[in-house]
Amino acid sequence: MSKVSIKKRNKPTVMGLFAGCGGLDLGFKKSGFDVVYANDIEKSVKETYERNIGKIDITDIREIDKSTLPVADVILAGIPCQPFSSAGNRDSVQDERGTLFKEVVDIVRLQKTKIVLFENVRGFLSAKDDSGLTMPERMERELEQLGYTLYYKLLNASDYGVPQNRYRVVLVGVRKDIDRGFSFPEPKIDKANLTIGTILEKPYPKDEEEEVWDLSPQSMKIVKYIPEGGSWKDVPTSHLPERLKRIRREIKKYRSPNFYRRFSRDEIMGTVTAASTPENSGILHPLEDRRYSVREIARFQSFPDSFKFVGDSISSKYKMIGNAVPVNLAKVIGDALYDQYFS
């Protein structure tokens, strides 16, 4: 009896724009997509991306000849979040970084790709363009004109298996001729294994040394007074720098900030930031007077231990991890798109 040859099905393809070190792209690879092109302007991510995922083009997206790009089924665009962050100036598209979504729209217009996905911070929902439209309204209007339906939702990464409370807006534009309504994945209920303590209990990878970005002398003076689960509120006023003393004296005026947060082991990690400053993020280890290590924050972002961060600058490793989309969140979204449009 002759064997029947079964043709292997081609994988759906993705283009990763503003790819960084590759959290979003890696999640989609794990969902069964093939990355055919990746781009970022930041030189420091190149070695890490290519060590773990594949080739990346380090070029300003505004300078790319878009007609030369490979055609992809899905375009992934993690637009830089600074213009839309509640901590920023909220200039939205008037900031040159806020205009970058127009560059993505140009590629969509040229390729008529099946799906385009944008990811950004919570502030993206209320940020407005120069005509007063919110960014989702602006994107919905532009994509509608190109023949796409836009779906968007605010997601918390910890609802999808990421050991971190990280809120992000995910916007999915689907070409109308293939659209049958996109359903965002349902949250996972059990978060028992997502606590800081659970993550810290994991054995350190045997094939790498622990890398920790040292705290500044000023921070070292402060953190020794902060217990597990505490913050700057536990530090005696006499040991605070003058700026923090002034804020403490007028704390209501400064909207009661909670600097130098040290999460406890039974909590889920707060948002990992690119800056990794102990003052404005929960980067402090619960028991030791130090930042979390590179591998520890990578685990909070759900990068597998096999994913290696390389480069000469330790601060650049913290930055690329903090800027990344959590891998598990990306995979859950990739699974939903694969199941609904490519299976």
Protein backbone atom coordinates (compact mmCIF):
# COMPACT_ATOMS: atom_id res chain seq x y z
CA MET A 1 0.00 0.00 0.00
CA SER A 2 1.52 3.30 -1.07
CA LYS A 3 2.03 6.04 1.50
CA VAL A 4 -0.10 9.12 1.17
CA SER A 5 2.02 12.24 1.33
CA ILE A 6 0.64 14.93 3.58
CA LYS A 7 1.75 18.44 2.75
CA LYS A 8 2.93 20.30 5.82
CA ARG A 9 0.86 23.42 6.42
CA ASN A 10 2.77 26.68 6.23
CA LYS A 11 2.92 28.62 9.46
CA PRO A 12 1.15 31.98 9.54
CA THR A 13 3.71 34.77 9.51
CA VAL A 14 4.31 37.81 11.70
CA MET A 15 6.24 41.04 11.38
CA GLY A 16 7.53 42.41 14.68
CA LEU A 17 7.80 46.21 14.74
CA PHE A 18 9.29 48.03 17.77
CA ALA A 19 10.24 44.47 18.68
CA GLY A 20 12.69 45.25 21.48
CA CYS A 21 14.31 42.10 22.82
CA GLY A 22 11.38 40.05 21.53
CA GLY A 23 8.79 39.32 24.22
CA LEU A 24 5.83 39.77 21.86
CA ASP A 25 7.53 37.98 18.97
CA LEU A 26 8.56 35.05 21.17
CA GLY A 27 5.02 34.64 22.45
CA PHE A 28 3.72 34.44 18.90
CA LYS A 29 6.44 31.97 17.93
CA LYS A 30 5.28 29.78 20.79
CA SER A 31 1.74 30.05 19.35
CA GLY A 32 2.87 28.64 15.99
CA PHE A 33 3.68 31.79 14.01
CA ASP A 34 6.83 32.37 11.98
CA VAL A 35 8.63 35.71 12.40
CA VAL A 36 9.63 36.87 8.91
CA TYR A 37 10.85 40.36 9.83
CA ALA A 38 11.67 42.27 13.01
CA ASN A 39 12.63 45.89 13.51
CA ASP A 40 13.69 48.22 16.30
CA ILE A 41 15.69 51.44 16.56
CA GLU A 42 17.50 50.47 19.78
CA LYS A 43 20.94 49.00 19.05
CA SER A 44 21.28 47.40 22.48
CA VAL A 45 18.55 44.82 21.77
CA LYS A 46 20.16 43.41 18.63
CA GLU A 47 22.49 40.87 20.23
CA THR A 48 19.81 39.54 22.58
CA TYR A 49 17.10 39.31 19.91
CA GLU A 50 19.38 37.50 17.47
CA ARG A 51 20.72 35.19 20.17
CA ASN A 52 17.20 34.00 21.00
CA ILE A 53 14.83 34.58 18.08
CA GLY A 54 16.42 35.54 14.77
CA LYS A 55 17.50 38.43 12.59
CA ILE A 56 16.42 41.96 13.52
CA ASP A 57 16.77 45.13 11.47
CA ILE A 58 18.06 48.00 13.62
CA THR A 59 16.73 50.98 11.68
CA ASP A 60 14.43 53.92 12.34
CA ILE A 61 11.06 52.74 11.01
CA ARG A 62 10.58 56.14 9.37
CA GLU A 63 13.60 55.49 7.19
CA ILE A 64 12.60 52.05 5.93
CA ASP A 65 11.54 51.51 2.32
CA LYS A 66 8.28 49.82 3.23
CA SER A 67 7.79 48.37 -0.24
CA THR A 68 10.77 46.06 0.37
CA LEU A 69 9.40 44.43 3.51
CA PRO A 70 8.29 40.79 3.41
CA VAL A 71 4.52 40.35 3.47
CA ALA A 72 3.20 39.04 6.79
CA ASP A 73 -0.16 37.70 7.94
CA VAL A 74 0.08 39.61 11.22
CA ILE A 75 1.86 42.84 12.08
CA LEU A 76 2.85 43.26 15.74
CA ALA A 77 3.44 46.83 16.89
CA GLY A 78 4.40 47.57 20.47
CA ILE A 79 4.51 51.33 19.94
CA PRO A 80 6.80 53.11 22.45
CA CYS A 81 4.63 53.91 25.43
CA GLN A 82 6.16 57.12 26.78
CA PRO A 83 3.76 59.53 25.04
CA PHE A 84 0.78 57.76 26.61
CA SER A 85 2.07 56.96 30.10
CA SER A 86 0.33 58.54 33.07
CA ALA A 87 3.81 59.41 34.29
CA GLY A 88 4.67 61.24 31.07
CA ASN A 89 3.54 64.49 29.55
CA ARG A 90 0.59 62.88 27.73
CA ASP A 91 1.33 64.77 24.50
CA SER A 92 0.03 61.77 22.57
CA VAL A 93 0.49 62.03 18.80
CA GLN A 94 1.93 65.51 19.10
CA ASP A 95 5.02 63.79 20.50
CA GLU A 96 7.05 62.38 17.60
CA ARG A 97 6.94 58.94 19.21
CA GLY A 98 3.16 59.15 19.20
CA THR A 99 3.16 59.52 15.43
CA LEU A 100 4.83 56.15 14.99
CA PHE A 101 1.53 54.36 14.70
CA LYS A 102 1.13 56.19 11.38
CA GLU A 103 4.20 54.35 10.13
CA VAL A 104 2.52 51.06 10.99
CA VAL A 105 -0.67 52.16 9.22
CA ASP A 106 1.42 52.86 6.09
CA ILE A 107 2.65 49.25 6.10
CA VAL A 108 -0.88 47.94 6.66
CA ARG A 109 -2.12 50.08 3.77
CA LEU A 110 0.63 48.74 1.52
CA GLN A 111 0.40 45.07 2.46
CA LYS A 112 -3.31 44.70 3.29
CA THR A 113 -2.16 42.36 6.03
CA LYS A 114 -4.80 40.15 7.62
CA ILE A 115 -4.32 41.36 11.19
CA VAL A 116 -2.47 44.19 12.91
CA LEU A 117 -1.94 44.19 16.66
CA PHE A 118 -0.97 47.18 18.79
CA GLU A 119 0.05 47.04 22.46
CA ASN A 120 0.43 49.95 24.84
CA VAL A 121 0.00 51.22 28.40
CA ARG A 122 -3.32 51.94 30.09
CA GLY A 123 -2.96 55.68 29.43
CA PHE A 124 -3.33 54.95 25.71
CA LEU A 125 -7.09 54.62 26.24
CA SER A 126 -7.52 58.26 27.28
CA ALA A 127 -4.64 59.92 25.40
CA LYS A 128 -5.92 62.21 22.64
CA ASP A 129 -4.67 63.37 19.29
CA ASP A 130 -4.58 67.01 18.20
CA SER A 131 -8.24 66.88 17.09
CA GLY A 132 -9.50 65.63 20.46
CA LEU A 133 -10.05 61.98 19.52
CA THR A 134 -8.83 59.33 21.94
CA MET A 135 -6.13 57.12 20.49
CA PRO A 136 -8.44 54.08 20.12
CA GLU A 137 -10.99 56.30 18.34
CA ARG A 138 -8.27 57.65 16.08
CA MET A 139 -6.99 54.18 15.25
CA GLU A 140 -10.50 52.83 14.77
CA ARG A 141 -11.25 55.59 12.26
CA GLU A 142 -8.04 55.12 10.29
CA LEU A 143 -8.29 51.34 10.20
CA GLU A 144 -11.96 51.51 9.22
CA GLN A 145 -10.96 53.53 6.16
CA LEU A 146 -8.49 50.78 5.24
CA GLY A 147 -11.10 48.05 5.62
CA TYR A 148 -10.37 46.81 9.14
CA THR A 149 -12.45 46.32 12.29
CA LEU A 150 -10.73 47.29 15.54
CA TYR A 151 -11.15 45.36 18.79
CA TYR A 152 -9.45 46.49 21.98
CA LYS A 153 -9.36 45.65 25.66
CA LEU A 154 -7.42 46.50 28.81
CA LEU A 155 -5.71 43.34 30.07
CA ASN A 156 -3.86 42.54 33.29
CA ALA A 157 -0.95 40.22 32.54
CA SER A 158 -1.43 38.31 35.80
CA ASP A 159 -4.85 37.18 34.53
CA TYR A 160 -3.01 35.23 31.83
CA GLY A 161 -0.30 33.39 33.72
CA VAL A 162 2.25 36.21 34.09
CA PRO A 163 3.62 36.65 37.67
CA GLN A 164 3.16 40.42 37.49
CA ASN A 165 0.28 42.88 37.74
CA ARG A 166 0.88 44.73 34.49
CA TYR A 167 -2.00 46.48 32.75
CA ARG A 168 -1.74 46.87 29.00
CA VAL A 169 -4.13 47.83 26.22
CA VAL A 170 -4.19 45.36 23.33
CA LEU A 171 -5.76 46.54 20.08
CA VAL A 172 -6.44 44.10 17.25
CA GLY A 173 -7.34 45.26 13.75
CA VAL A 174 -8.84 42.51 11.58
CA ARG A 175 -9.33 42.83 7.80
CA LYS A 176 -13.07 42.82 7.21
CA ASP A 177 -13.12 40.12 4.54
CA ILE A 178 -11.79 37.56 7.04
CA ASP A 179 -13.34 39.00 10.19
CA ARG A 180 -15.80 36.90 12.13
CA GLY A 181 -15.51 38.83 15.37
CA PHE A 182 -12.44 38.62 17.59
CA SER A 183 -12.83 37.31 21.13
CA PHE A 184 -10.13 38.18 23.64
CA PRO A 185 -8.93 35.22 25.73
CA GLU A 186 -10.68 34.59 29.02
CA PRO A 187 -8.67 35.33 32.21
CA LYS A 188 -7.21 32.47 34.19
CA ILE A 189 -8.61 32.14 37.68
CA ASP A 190 -5.83 30.51 39.72
CA LYS A 191 -2.98 32.89 40.59
CA ALA A 192 -1.53 30.91 43.49
CA ASN A 193 1.68 30.13 41.62
CA LEU A 194 2.26 33.72 40.52
CA THR A 195 3.44 35.20 43.81
CA ILE A 196 6.90 36.70 44.27
CA GLY A 197 7.79 33.96 46.73
CA THR A 198 6.92 31.25 44.21
CA ILE A 199 9.12 32.85 41.57
CA LEU A 200 12.06 33.39 43.93
CA GLU A 201 11.94 29.77 45.10
CA LYS A 202 12.83 28.51 41.63
CA PRO A 203 16.45 27.30 41.35
CA TYR A 204 18.76 29.72 39.56
CA PRO A 205 19.86 28.52 36.09
CA LYS A 206 23.11 26.57 36.38
CA ASP A 207 24.49 27.98 33.14
CA GLU A 208 24.50 31.67 34.14
CA GLU A 209 25.83 33.93 36.85
CA GLU A 210 23.53 36.14 38.86
CA GLU A 211 23.57 39.70 37.52
CA VAL A 212 22.35 42.50 39.78
CA TRP A 213 22.39 46.23 39.06
CA ASP A 214 23.80 47.92 42.16
CA LEU A 215 21.71 50.47 44.01
CA SER A 216 22.95 54.03 44.38
CA PRO A 217 24.57 55.03 47.71
CA GLN A 218 21.48 57.13 48.54
CA SER A 219 19.12 54.22 47.90
CA MET A 220 21.26 51.90 49.99
CA LYS A 221 20.90 54.26 52.96
CA ILE A 222 17.12 54.19 52.59
CA VAL A 223 16.27 50.57 51.76
CA LYS A 224 17.81 49.11 54.92
CA TYR A 225 14.93 50.67 56.87
CA ILE A 226 12.23 49.20 54.61
CA PRO A 227 10.76 45.84 55.76
CA GLU A 228 9.22 43.22 53.52
CA GLY A 229 5.91 44.61 52.27
CA GLY A 230 6.89 48.16 53.24
CA SER A 231 7.94 51.39 51.55
CA TRP A 232 9.50 54.79 52.22
CA LYS A 233 6.76 55.33 54.81
CA ASP A 234 8.75 53.03 57.10
CA VAL A 235 11.95 55.07 56.80
CA PRO A 236 12.64 57.52 59.66
CA THR A 237 12.38 61.08 58.38
CA SER A 238 15.91 61.83 59.56
CA HIS A 239 17.28 59.27 57.08
CA LEU A 240 15.44 60.61 54.03
CA PRO A 241 17.10 62.95 51.50
CA GLU A 242 15.85 66.54 51.57
CA ARG A 243 13.58 66.10 48.54
CA LEU A 244 11.70 63.21 50.15
CA LYS A 245 11.51 65.05 53.47
CA ARG A 246 9.80 67.93 51.65
CA ILE A 247 7.35 65.57 49.97
CA ARG A 248 6.57 63.88 53.27
CA ARG A 249 5.81 67.25 54.89
CA GLU A 250 3.33 68.07 52.10
CA ILE A 251 2.30 64.54 51.16
CA LYS A 252 -1.28 65.44 50.13
CA LYS A 253 0.04 68.08 47.75
CA TYR A 254 2.11 65.36 46.04
CA ARG A 255 -0.86 62.95 45.90
CA SER A 256 0.48 60.62 48.60
CA PRO A 257 3.18 58.82 46.58
CA ASN A 258 4.40 55.43 47.76
CA PHE A 259 8.12 55.49 46.95
CA TYR A 260 10.55 52.63 47.44
CA ARG A 261 7.93 49.90 47.45
CA ARG A 262 9.23 46.52 48.60
CA PHE A 263 6.61 43.90 47.76
CA SER A 264 6.27 40.90 50.07
CA ARG A 265 6.68 37.30 48.98
CA ASP A 266 2.95 36.59 49.20
CA GLU A 267 2.11 39.39 46.74
CA ILE A 268 2.18 39.41 42.95
CA MET A 269 4.92 41.62 41.53
CA GLY A 270 3.98 45.14 40.42
CA THR A 271 4.78 46.48 36.97
CA VAL A 272 8.40 45.93 35.94
CA THR A 273 9.60 49.22 34.45
CA ALA A 274 12.35 49.96 31.97
CA ALA A 275 14.01 52.41 34.36
CA SER A 276 14.03 49.93 37.27
CA THR A 277 14.41 52.79 39.72
CA PRO A 278 13.82 51.68 43.33
CA GLU A 279 12.04 54.94 44.08
CA ASN A 280 9.28 54.54 41.50
CA SER A 281 8.97 50.79 40.96
CA GLY A 282 8.79 47.64 43.04
CA ILE A 283 12.26 46.53 41.99
CA LEU A 284 13.47 45.82 45.55
CA HIS A 285 14.02 42.23 46.63
CA PRO A 286 11.73 41.38 49.59
CA LEU A 287 14.53 40.14 51.86
CA GLU A 288 17.82 41.48 50.49
CA ASP A 289 18.87 45.11 50.09
CA ARG A 290 19.21 44.99 46.32
CA ARG A 291 17.34 45.13 43.07
CA TYR A 292 15.98 41.91 41.66
CA SER A 293 18.52 40.26 39.39
CA VAL A 294 18.27 40.20 35.61
CA ARG A 295 16.95 36.62 35.68
CA GLU A 296 14.45 37.38 38.43
CA ILE A 297 12.84 40.27 36.56
CA ALA A 298 12.94 38.20 33.37
CA ARG A 299 10.91 35.57 35.20
CA PHE A 300 8.43 38.23 36.33
CA GLN A 301 8.06 39.02 32.61
CA SER A 302 7.59 35.25 31.97
CA PHE A 303 10.70 34.89 29.80
CA PRO A 304 11.88 31.26 29.89
CA ASP A 305 15.26 30.61 31.52
CA SER A 306 16.54 29.48 28.12
CA PHE A 307 16.18 33.08 26.90
CA LYS A 308 19.57 34.74 27.46
CA PHE A 309 20.10 38.48 27.79
CA VAL A 310 23.43 39.57 26.36
CA GLY A 311 25.35 42.80 26.00
CA ASP A 312 27.93 44.86 27.86
CA SER A 313 25.57 47.09 29.84
CA ILE A 314 23.62 45.65 32.77
CA SER A 315 21.30 48.68 32.79
CA SER A 316 20.39 47.95 29.16
CA LYS A 317 19.31 44.44 30.16
CA TYR A 318 16.95 45.82 32.81
CA LYS A 319 15.64 48.31 30.27
CA MET A 320 14.96 45.77 27.51
CA ILE A 321 13.22 43.42 29.94
CA GLY A 322 11.10 46.22 31.39
CA ASN A 323 10.09 47.40 27.92
CA ALA A 324 9.09 43.91 26.77
CA VAL A 325 5.62 42.45 26.43
CA PRO A 326 5.34 39.52 28.87
CA VAL A 327 5.88 36.34 26.88
CA ASN A 328 2.96 34.42 28.42
CA LEU A 329 0.56 37.29 27.70
CA ALA A 330 1.79 37.43 24.10
CA LYS A 331 1.33 33.68 23.70
CA VAL A 332 -2.23 33.73 25.03
CA ILE A 333 -3.13 36.47 22.54
CA GLY A 334 -1.26 34.62 19.78
CA ASP A 335 -3.19 31.43 20.62
CA ALA A 336 -6.49 33.32 20.37
CA LEU A 337 -5.61 34.80 16.98
CA TYR A 338 -4.29 31.49 15.67
CA ASP A 339 -7.38 29.57 16.78
CA GLN A 340 -9.85 32.14 15.46
CA TYR A 341 -8.23 33.01 12.12
CA PHE A 342 -5.55 30.50 11.14
CA SER A 343 -6.58 27.04 12.37
